[in-house]
C-alpha atoms as a PDB file:
ATOM      1  CA  UNK A   1     109.557  70.398  97.016  1.00  0.00           C
ATOM      2  CA  UNK A   2     111.885  71.727  94.325  1.00  0.00           C
ATOM      3  CA  UNK A   3     112.465  75.444  94.119  1.00  0.00           C
ATOM      4  CA  UNK A   4     111.897  77.037  90.720  1.00  0.00           C
ATOM      5  CA  UNK A   5     114.800  77.961  88.496  1.00  0.00           C
ATOM      6  CA  UNK A   6     115.738  81.623  88.838  1.00  0.00           C
ATOM      7  CA  UNK A   7     116.476  83.469  85.628  1.00  0.00           C
ATOM      8  CA  UNK A   8     118.395  86.736  85.631  1.00  0.00           C
ATOM      9  CA  UNK A   9     116.132  89.483  84.240  1.00  0.00           C
ATOM     10  CA  UNK A  10     118.462  90.346  81.346  1.00  0.00           C
ATOM     11  CA  UNK A  11     119.132  86.786  80.175  1.00  0.00           C
ATOM     12  CA  UNK A  12     119.054  86.190  76.437  1.00  0.00           C
ATOM     13  CA  UNK A  13     117.951  82.757  75.246  1.00  0.00           C
ATOM     14  CA  UNK A  14     119.601  81.065  72.280  1.00  0.00           C
ATOM     15  CA  UNK A  15     118.926  77.820  70.453  1.00  0.00           C
ATOM     16  CA  UNK A  16     121.430  76.291  68.054  1.00  0.00           C
ATOM     17  CA  UNK A  17     120.583  73.486  65.656  1.00  0.00           C
ATOM     18  CA  UNK A  18     123.872  71.837  64.690  1.00  0.00           C
ATOM     19  CA  UNK A  19     124.474  70.052  61.409  1.00  0.00           C
ATOM     20  CA  UNK A  20     127.697  68.926  59.742  1.00  0.00           C
ATOM     21  CA  UNK A  21     127.966  72.132  57.696  1.00  0.00           C
ATOM     22  CA  UNK A  22     125.865  74.839  59.352  1.00  0.00           C
ATOM     23  CA  UNK A  23     124.631  76.198  62.661  1.00  0.00           C
ATOM     24  CA  UNK A  24     121.051  77.505  62.611  1.00  0.00           C
ATOM     25  CA  UNK A  25     120.762  79.985  65.481  1.00  0.00           C
ATOM     26  CA  UNK A  26     117.663  81.577  67.044  1.00  0.00           C
ATOM     27  CA  UNK A  27     117.903  84.319  69.669  1.00  0.00           C
ATOM     28  CA  UNK A  28     115.192  85.514  72.043  1.00  0.00           C
ATOM     29  CA  UNK A  29     116.077  88.764  73.828  1.00  0.00           C
ATOM     30  CA  UNK A  30     113.843  90.738  76.213  1.00  0.00           C
ATOM     31  CA  UNK A  31     111.536  93.143  74.371  1.00  0.00           C
ATOM     32  CA  UNK A  32     113.041  92.198  70.988  1.00  0.00           C
ATOM     33  CA  UNK A  33     111.677  90.196  68.058  1.00  0.00           C
ATOM     34  CA  UNK A  34     113.031  86.704  67.464  1.00  0.00           C
ATOM     35  CA  UNK A  35     116.307  86.854  65.498  1.00  0.00           C
ATOM     36  CA  UNK A  36     117.548  83.988  63.335  1.00  0.00           C
ATOM     37  CA  UNK A  37     121.013  83.648  61.786  1.00  0.00           C
ATOM     38  CA  UNK A  38     123.114  80.951  60.224  1.00  0.00           C
ATOM     39  CA  UNK A  39     126.843  80.310  60.708  1.00  0.00           C
ATOM     40  CA  UNK A  40     129.303  77.802  59.301  1.00  0.00           C
ATOM     41  CA  UNK A  41     130.017  74.836  61.562  1.00  0.00           C
ATOM     42  CA  UNK A  42     133.770  75.360  61.561  1.00  0.00           C
ATOM     43  CA  UNK A  43     136.227  77.454  63.550  1.00  0.00           C
ATOM     44  CA  UNK A  44     135.562  80.701  61.662  1.00  0.00           C
ATOM     45  CA  UNK A  45     131.795  80.289  62.088  1.00  0.00           C
ATOM     46  CA  UNK A  46     132.215  79.586  65.809  1.00  0.00           C
ATOM     47  CA  UNK A  47     134.208  82.819  66.185  1.00  0.00           C
ATOM     48  CA  UNK A  48     131.531  84.773  64.284  1.00  0.00           C
ATOM     49  CA  UNK A  49     128.826  83.255  66.496  1.00  0.00           C
ATOM     50  CA  UNK A  50     130.715  84.204  69.683  1.00  0.00           C
ATOM     51  CA  UNK A  51     131.210  87.771  68.422  1.00  0.00           C
ATOM     52  CA  UNK A  52     127.501  88.031  67.578  1.00  0.00           C
ATOM     53  CA  UNK A  53     126.411  86.644  70.963  1.00  0.00           C
ATOM     54  CA  UNK A  54     128.901  88.973  72.672  1.00  0.00           C
ATOM     55  CA  UNK A  55     126.971  91.961  71.323  1.00  0.00           C
ATOM     56  CA  UNK A  56     124.072  90.985  73.603  1.00  0.00           C
ATOM     57  CA  UNK A  57     125.813  92.537  76.661  1.00  0.00           C
ATOM     58  CA  UNK A  58     123.933  90.049  78.851  1.00  0.00           C
ATOM     59  CA  UNK A  59     124.190  86.477  79.965  1.00  0.00           C
ATOM     60  CA  UNK A  60     123.252  84.224  77.032  1.00  0.00           C
ATOM     61  CA  UNK A  61     121.670  80.874  77.857  1.00  0.00           C
ATOM     62  CA  UNK A  62     122.363  78.500  74.961  1.00  0.00           C
ATOM     63  CA  UNK A  63     120.673  75.159  74.325  1.00  0.00           C
ATOM     64  CA  UNK A  64     121.796  72.759  71.625  1.00  0.00           C
ATOM     65  CA  UNK A  65     121.263  69.095  70.901  1.00  0.00           C
ATOM     66  CA  UNK A  66     124.036  66.590  71.425  1.00  0.00           C
ATOM     67  CA  UNK A  67     125.009  65.629  67.879  1.00  0.00           C
ATOM     68  CA  UNK A  68     128.308  63.927  68.639  1.00  0.00           C
ATOM     69  CA  UNK A  69     131.217  64.998  66.498  1.00  0.00           C
ATOM     70  CA  UNK A  70     129.268  67.829  64.871  1.00  0.00           C
ATOM     71  CA  UNK A  71     128.502  69.592  68.169  1.00  0.00           C
ATOM     72  CA  UNK A  72     131.596  68.837  70.269  1.00  0.00           C
ATOM     73  CA  UNK A  73     133.867  71.618  68.963  1.00  0.00           C
ATOM     74  CA  UNK A  74     131.101  74.203  69.265  1.00  0.00           C
ATOM     75  CA  UNK A  75     130.221  73.015  72.784  1.00  0.00           C
ATOM     76  CA  UNK A  76     133.847  73.431  73.869  1.00  0.00           C
ATOM     77  CA  UNK A  77     134.027  76.943  72.412  1.00  0.00           C
ATOM     78  CA  UNK A  78     130.747  78.028  74.020  1.00  0.00           C
ATOM     79  CA  UNK A  79     131.643  76.426  77.352  1.00  0.00           C
ATOM     80  CA  UNK A  80     134.863  78.477  77.474  1.00  0.00           C
ATOM     81  CA  UNK A  81     133.027  81.800  76.940  1.00  0.00           C
ATOM     82  CA  UNK A  82     132.310  83.550  80.276  1.00  0.00           C
ATOM     83  CA  UNK A  83     129.048  85.241  79.230  1.00  0.00           C
ATOM     84  CA  UNK A  84     127.479  81.981  78.024  1.00  0.00           C
ATOM     85  CA  UNK A  85     125.610  79.255  79.906  1.00  0.00           C
ATOM     86  CA  UNK A  86     125.447  76.092  77.830  1.00  0.00           C
ATOM     87  CA  UNK A  87     123.108  73.116  77.910  1.00  0.00           C
ATOM     88  CA  UNK A  88     123.776  70.184  75.578  1.00  0.00           C
ATOM     89  CA  UNK A  89     120.489  68.315  75.438  1.00  0.00           C
ATOM     90  CA  UNK A  90     119.348  64.814  74.640  1.00  0.00           C
ATOM     91  CA  UNK A  91     117.733  65.021  71.162  1.00  0.00           C
ATOM     92  CA  UNK A  92     114.800  62.830  72.292  1.00  0.00           C
ATOM     93  CA  UNK A  93     113.990  65.299  75.082  1.00  0.00           C
ATOM     94  CA  UNK A  94     114.045  68.204  72.630  1.00  0.00           C
ATOM     95  CA  UNK A  95     111.891  66.264  70.159  1.00  0.00           C
ATOM     96  CA  UNK A  96     109.207  65.726  72.795  1.00  0.00           C
ATOM     97  CA  UNK A  97     109.320  69.419  73.706  1.00  0.00           C
ATOM     98  CA  UNK A  98     109.087  70.346  70.015  1.00  0.00           C
ATOM     99  CA  UNK A  99     105.956  68.253  69.555  1.00  0.00           C
ATOM    100  CA  UNK A 100     104.178  70.516  72.035  1.00  0.00           C
ATOM    101  CA  UNK A 101     105.138  73.668  70.080  1.00  0.00           C
ATOM    102  CA  UNK A 102     105.355  73.130  66.337  1.00  0.00           C
ATOM    103  CA  UNK A 103     104.952  70.647  63.545  1.00  0.00           C
ATOM    104  CA  UNK A 104     107.596  71.865  61.060  1.00  0.00           C
ATOM    105  CA  UNK A 105     110.999  70.177  61.057  1.00  0.00           C
ATOM    106  CA  UNK A 106     113.667  72.439  59.597  1.00  0.00           C
ATOM    107  CA  UNK A 107     116.992  73.568  61.045  1.00  0.00           C
ATOM    108  CA  UNK A 108     115.651  77.093  61.604  1.00  0.00           C
ATOM    109  CA  UNK A 109     112.487  75.762  63.301  1.00  0.00           C
ATOM    110  CA  UNK A 110     114.624  73.483  65.488  1.00  0.00           C
ATOM    111  CA  UNK A 111     116.783  76.454  66.547  1.00  0.00           C
ATOM    112  CA  UNK A 112     113.648  78.380  67.552  1.00  0.00           C
ATOM    113  CA  UNK A 113     112.426  75.379  69.567  1.00  0.00           C
ATOM    114  CA  UNK A 114     115.798  75.172  71.336  1.00  0.00           C
ATOM    115  CA  UNK A 115     115.671  78.895  72.190  1.00  0.00           C
ATOM    116  CA  UNK A 116     112.188  78.438  73.666  1.00  0.00           C
ATOM    117  CA  UNK A 117     113.447  75.385  75.556  1.00  0.00           C
ATOM    118  CA  UNK A 118     116.207  77.543  77.107  1.00  0.00           C
ATOM    119  CA  UNK A 119     113.614  80.099  78.113  1.00  0.00           C
ATOM    120  CA  UNK A 120     110.966  77.778  79.560  1.00  0.00           C
ATOM    121  CA  UNK A 121     112.595  74.649  80.926  1.00  0.00           C
ATOM    122  CA  UNK A 122     114.858  74.009  83.949  1.00  0.00           C
ATOM    123  CA  UNK A 123     118.434  74.610  82.897  1.00  0.00           C
ATOM    124  CA  UNK A 124     121.342  72.229  83.484  1.00  0.00           C
ATOM    125  CA  UNK A 125     124.740  73.526  82.426  1.00  0.00           C
ATOM    126  CA  UNK A 126     127.008  71.346  80.320  1.00  0.00           C
ATOM    127  CA  UNK A 127     130.649  70.960  81.307  1.00  0.00           C
ATOM    128  CA  UNK A 128     133.506  69.304  79.504  1.00  0.00           C
ATOM    129  CA  UNK A 129     134.851  66.266  81.330  1.00  0.00           C
ATOM    130  CA  UNK A 130     138.379  67.633  81.733  1.00  0.00           C
ATOM    131  CA  UNK A 131     139.851  70.286  84.015  1.00  0.00           C
ATOM    132  CA  UNK A 132     142.415  71.904  81.732  1.00  0.00           C
ATOM    133  CA  UNK A 133     142.033  72.873  78.115  1.00  0.00           C
ATOM    134  CA  UNK A 134     141.955  69.626  76.147  1.00  0.00           C
ATOM    135  CA  UNK A 135     144.155  68.763  73.254  1.00  0.00           C
ATOM    136  CA  UNK A 136     141.640  68.077  70.523  1.00  0.00           C
ATOM    137  CA  UNK A 137     142.847  67.244  67.059  1.00  0.00           C
ATOM    138  CA  UNK A 138     140.197  67.847  64.420  1.00  0.00           C
ATOM    139  CA  UNK A 139     140.389  66.236  61.036  1.00  0.00           C
ATOM    140  CA  UNK A 140     137.033  66.414  59.289  1.00  0.00           C
ATOM    141  CA  UNK A 141     134.318  64.523  61.148  1.00  0.00           C
ATOM    142  CA  UNK A 142     136.707  62.431  63.258  1.00  0.00           C
ATOM    143  CA  UNK A 143     138.159  63.777  66.504  1.00  0.00           C
ATOM    144  CA  UNK A 144     140.976  62.429  68.546  1.00  0.00           C
ATOM    145  CA  UNK A 145     141.297  63.562  72.153  1.00  0.00           C
ATOM    146  CA  UNK A 146     144.783  63.539  73.559  1.00  0.00           C
ATOM    147  CA  UNK A 147     146.012  64.146  77.105  1.00  0.00           C
ATOM    148  CA  UNK A 148     142.685  64.731  78.837  1.00  0.00           C
ATOM    149  CA  UNK A 149     143.024  65.363  82.587  1.00  0.00           C
ATOM    150  CA  UNK A 150     140.863  63.164  84.785  1.00  0.00           C
ATOM    151  CA  UNK A 151     139.131  65.764  86.979  1.00  0.00           C
ATOM    152  CA  UNK A 152     136.230  67.961  85.836  1.00  0.00           C
ATOM    153  CA  UNK A 153     136.740  71.712  85.885  1.00  0.00           C
ATOM    154  CA  UNK A 154     134.564  74.518  87.155  1.00  0.00           C
ATOM    155  CA  UNK A 155     133.904  77.226  84.597  1.00  0.00           C
ATOM    156  CA  UNK A 156     133.996  80.785  85.923  1.00  0.00           C
ATOM    157  CA  UNK A 157     131.272  82.952  84.495  1.00  0.00           C
ATOM    158  CA  UNK A 158     129.769  86.393  84.757  1.00  0.00           C
ATOM    159  CA  UNK A 159     126.324  84.785  84.439  1.00  0.00           C
ATOM    160  CA  UNK A 160     124.100  83.999  87.401  1.00  0.00           C
ATOM    161  CA  UNK A 161     124.681  80.467  88.640  1.00  0.00           C
ATOM    162  CA  UNK A 162     121.433  79.913  90.543  1.00  0.00           C
ATOM    163  CA  UNK A 163     120.176  77.141  88.333  1.00  0.00           C
ATOM    164  CA  UNK A 164     118.636  73.957  89.677  1.00  0.00           C
ATOM    165  CA  UNK A 165     116.720  73.895  92.937  1.00  0.00           C
ATOM    166  CA  UNK A 166     118.000  77.368  93.803  1.00  0.00           C
ATOM    167  CA  UNK A 167     121.512  76.038  94.481  1.00  0.00           C
ATOM    168  CA  UNK A 168     124.554  77.764  93.027  1.00  0.00           C
ATOM    169  CA  UNK A 169     126.236  75.795  90.264  1.00  0.00           C
ATOM    170  CA  UNK A 170     129.076  74.499  92.451  1.00  0.00           C
ATOM    171  CA  UNK A 171     126.686  73.210  95.141  1.00  0.00           C
ATOM    172  CA  UNK A 172     124.842  70.669  93.003  1.00  0.00           C
END
């Protein structure tokens, strides 16, 4: 029988709905009302998002949908941040979860659904497929990856790593 996922008591849950231009973000913190913000989906917006999440002073569990070229840069930035656990989810899975919660379909509503998903569902961390920092050249919506090492890397983090089946992240 599978053991339940353990969640650190101070974990903050975040959902990010990614579009080509904006990031709709919803944050659920213990004993706090739901907070929603919007950031630009470019380097400056990613930095602002990291600074805002850094104010939480706790491990932040982030869930976002895999949206290809629109989510890749953000996923890499979030994956590199030590206080963040990141899950990049199959959009179909999130859509089925959303159908159990709400009927509205806006970016802000999707971000709230993703935050609730982070809070309620078993969490699987996303990792980039390379071991060293990649060389990623960004030119609008097209990305060209250059010089990617073959072996996956382990991301050090201050967050708890007891995720699936009670096993530490490296033991899965």
